Structure formats: structure tokens, C-alpha cells
Amino acid sequence: MTDNAQFEQAQKDVNTLDRKPGNDDLLFLYAHFKQGSTGDVSGKRPGMLDMVGRAKYDAWAKLKGMSQDDAKQKYIDKVAALLKSHKG
């Protein structure tokens, strides 16, 4: 499997978890997905009243400069770990 195929499979696998991951894991997944699929953060940081959007933006912004391949691999690895701890 190529990295892209593994990345796409991880996106499907994450939806099969029996339990919802914690906020830190969800932010990790969001940020690494965005970095892996889009690259460095773009757009304006959401305003103070959009706390969820702001947290997501900040998590993604911390990955600035990370290669898309590295972000994809970290996403794949995190999903694999969650599949072990959040299934069955």
C-alpha cells in the first residue's frame, strides 16, 4: 500500500471506532489530517467566540513546516493506536 492508500484507509478506519477519542486525540487527528492533505495552515484564525474552530486552527498551526508525508504517517500511526484502544 502506498502512503496515500494507507492515509485514505486510516480516514475510513477512524470512523469504525467503538468509542469517541478524547479531545486531544481528536485535535491531533484533525491537525495531522489537514497538514497531510492541505499543507501548512491557511486562512484567518477564528474569533474568540469560536472556541472549537480556534482550537482546531491552533492545533494545525503548530504543525507548520511539517511535510505532508510526515503528517500523513503520524495520522496513520495515531489511527492504528486508536483502533487498538477504542475497538471491542
C-alpha atoms as a PDB file:
ATOM      1  CA  MET A   1       0.000   0.000   0.000  1.00  0.00           C
ATOM      2  CA  THR A   2       1.235   3.477  -0.780  1.00  0.00           C
ATOM      3  CA  ASP A   3       1.227   6.215   1.835  1.00  0.00           C
ATOM      4  CA  ASN A   4      -1.794   7.790   0.144  1.00  0.00           C
ATOM      5  CA  ALA A   5      -3.685   4.486   0.188  1.00  0.00           C
ATOM      6  CA  GLN A   6      -2.812   3.985   3.865  1.00  0.00           C
ATOM      7  CA  PHE A   7      -3.852   7.584   4.597  1.00  0.00           C
ATOM      8  CA  GLU A   8      -7.202   7.062   2.864  1.00  0.00           C
ATOM      9  CA  GLN A   9      -7.732   3.761   4.678  1.00  0.00           C
ATOM     10  CA  ALA A  10      -6.940   5.395   8.030  1.00  0.00           C
ATOM     11  CA  GLN A  11      -9.610   8.015   7.282  1.00  0.00           C
ATOM     12  CA  LYS A  12     -12.135   5.192   6.845  1.00  0.00           C
ATOM     13  CA  ASP A  13     -10.866   3.181   9.813  1.00  0.00           C
ATOM     14  CA  VAL A  14     -11.181   6.090  12.246  1.00  0.00           C
ATOM     15  CA  ASN A  15     -14.942   6.049  11.651  1.00  0.00           C
ATOM     16  CA  THR A  16     -15.153   2.451  12.880  1.00  0.00           C
ATOM     17  CA  LEU A  17     -14.040   3.210  16.444  1.00  0.00           C
ATOM     18  CA  ASP A  18     -16.419   1.988  19.147  1.00  0.00           C
ATOM     19  CA  ARG A  19     -15.656   4.927  21.447  1.00  0.00           C
ATOM     20  CA  LYS A  20     -15.056   8.563  20.587  1.00  0.00           C
ATOM     21  CA  PRO A  21     -11.439   9.578  21.220  1.00  0.00           C
ATOM     22  CA  GLY A  22     -10.697  12.370  23.697  1.00  0.00           C
ATOM     23  CA  ASN A  23     -10.353  15.986  22.630  1.00  0.00           C
ATOM     24  CA  ASP A  24      -6.541  15.841  22.498  1.00  0.00           C
ATOM     25  CA  ASP A  25      -6.684  12.841  20.158  1.00  0.00           C
ATOM     26  CA  LEU A  26      -9.362  14.487  18.027  1.00  0.00           C
ATOM     27  CA  LEU A  27      -7.280  17.661  17.677  1.00  0.00           C
ATOM     28  CA  PHE A  28      -4.215  15.572  16.824  1.00  0.00           C
ATOM     29  CA  LEU A  29      -6.174  13.746  14.121  1.00  0.00           C
ATOM     30  CA  TYR A  30      -7.672  16.950  12.731  1.00  0.00           C
ATOM     31  CA  ALA A  31      -4.363  18.807  12.594  1.00  0.00           C
ATOM     32  CA  HIS A  32      -2.417  15.940  11.034  1.00  0.00           C
ATOM     33  CA  PHE A  33      -5.195  15.254   8.534  1.00  0.00           C
ATOM     34  CA  LYS A  34      -5.232  18.906   7.451  1.00  0.00           C
ATOM     35  CA  GLN A  35      -1.420  19.113   7.316  1.00  0.00           C
ATOM     36  CA  GLY A  36      -1.249  15.843   5.365  1.00  0.00           C
ATOM     37  CA  SER A  37      -3.969  16.727   2.903  1.00  0.00           C
ATOM     38  CA  THR A  38      -3.554  20.503   2.552  1.00  0.00           C
ATOM     39  CA  GLY A  39      -0.148  21.521   3.915  1.00  0.00           C
ATOM     40  CA  ASP A  40       0.561  24.482   6.194  1.00  0.00           C
ATOM     41  CA  VAL A  41      -2.320  26.253   7.890  1.00  0.00           C
ATOM     42  CA  SER A  42      -4.098  28.902   5.874  1.00  0.00           C
ATOM     43  CA  GLY A  43      -6.852  31.422   6.399  1.00  0.00           C
ATOM     44  CA  LYS A  44      -7.610  33.620   9.373  1.00  0.00           C
ATOM     45  CA  ARG A  45      -7.660  32.338  12.931  1.00  0.00           C
ATOM     46  CA  PRO A  46     -11.288  32.067  14.116  1.00  0.00           C
ATOM     47  CA  GLY A  47     -12.525  34.674  16.581  1.00  0.00           C
ATOM     48  CA  MET A  48     -12.735  34.352  20.362  1.00  0.00           C
ATOM     49  CA  LEU A  49     -16.327  33.081  20.306  1.00  0.00           C
ATOM     50  CA  ASP A  50     -15.491  30.123  18.072  1.00  0.00           C
ATOM     51  CA  MET A  51     -13.535  28.137  20.649  1.00  0.00           C
ATOM     52  CA  VAL A  52     -13.687  24.841  18.741  1.00  0.00           C
ATOM     53  CA  GLY A  53     -12.613  26.422  15.471  1.00  0.00           C
ATOM     54  CA  ARG A  54      -9.840  28.272  17.261  1.00  0.00           C
ATOM     55  CA  ALA A  55      -8.534  25.090  18.924  1.00  0.00           C
ATOM     56  CA  LYS A  56      -8.538  23.274  15.587  1.00  0.00           C
ATOM     57  CA  TYR A  57      -6.755  26.158  13.853  1.00  0.00           C
ATOM     58  CA  ASP A  58      -4.139  26.378  16.626  1.00  0.00           C
ATOM     59  CA  ALA A  59      -3.504  22.611  16.556  1.00  0.00           C
ATOM     60  CA  TRP A  60      -2.979  22.750  12.796  1.00  0.00           C
ATOM     61  CA  ALA A  61      -0.803  25.889  13.021  1.00  0.00           C
ATOM     62  CA  LYS A  62       1.600  24.068  15.405  1.00  0.00           C
ATOM     63  CA  LEU A  63       2.466  21.687  12.559  1.00  0.00           C
ATOM     64  CA  LYS A  64       3.640  24.459  10.222  1.00  0.00           C
ATOM     65  CA  GLY A  65       6.647  23.264   8.257  1.00  0.00           C
ATOM     66  CA  MET A  66       5.947  19.546   8.765  1.00  0.00           C
ATOM     67  CA  SER A  67       5.964  17.716   5.448  1.00  0.00           C
ATOM     68  CA  GLN A  68       2.678  16.339   4.190  1.00  0.00           C
ATOM     69  CA  ASP A  69       4.198  12.842   4.157  1.00  0.00           C
ATOM     70  CA  ASP A  70       5.254  13.112   7.819  1.00  0.00           C
ATOM     71  CA  ALA A  71       1.801  14.370   8.784  1.00  0.00           C
ATOM     72  CA  LYS A  72       0.129  11.526   6.890  1.00  0.00           C
ATOM     73  CA  GLN A  73       2.337   8.944   8.617  1.00  0.00           C
ATOM     74  CA  LYS A  74       1.624  10.388  12.069  1.00  0.00           C
ATOM     75  CA  TYR A  75      -2.113  10.346  11.268  1.00  0.00           C
ATOM     76  CA  ILE A  76      -1.889   6.709  10.119  1.00  0.00           C
ATOM     77  CA  ASP A  77       0.048   5.740  13.265  1.00  0.00           C
ATOM     78  CA  LYS A  78      -2.430   7.532  15.560  1.00  0.00           C
ATOM     79  CA  VAL A  79      -5.418   5.830  13.919  1.00  0.00           C
ATOM     80  CA  ALA A  80      -3.687   2.448  14.282  1.00  0.00           C
ATOM     81  CA  ALA A  81      -3.143   3.118  18.007  1.00  0.00           C
ATOM     82  CA  LEU A  82      -6.767   4.219  18.455  1.00  0.00           C
ATOM     83  CA  LEU A  83      -8.004   1.099  16.683  1.00  0.00           C
ATOM     84  CA  LYS A  84      -6.219  -0.946  19.356  1.00  0.00           C
ATOM     85  CA  SER A  85      -7.533   1.081  22.295  1.00  0.00           C
ATOM     86  CA  HIS A  86     -11.010   2.113  21.111  1.00  0.00           C
ATOM     87  CA  LYS A  87     -12.400  -1.036  19.490  1.00  0.00           C
ATOM     88  CA  GLY A  88     -14.058  -4.043  21.036  1.00  0.00           C
END
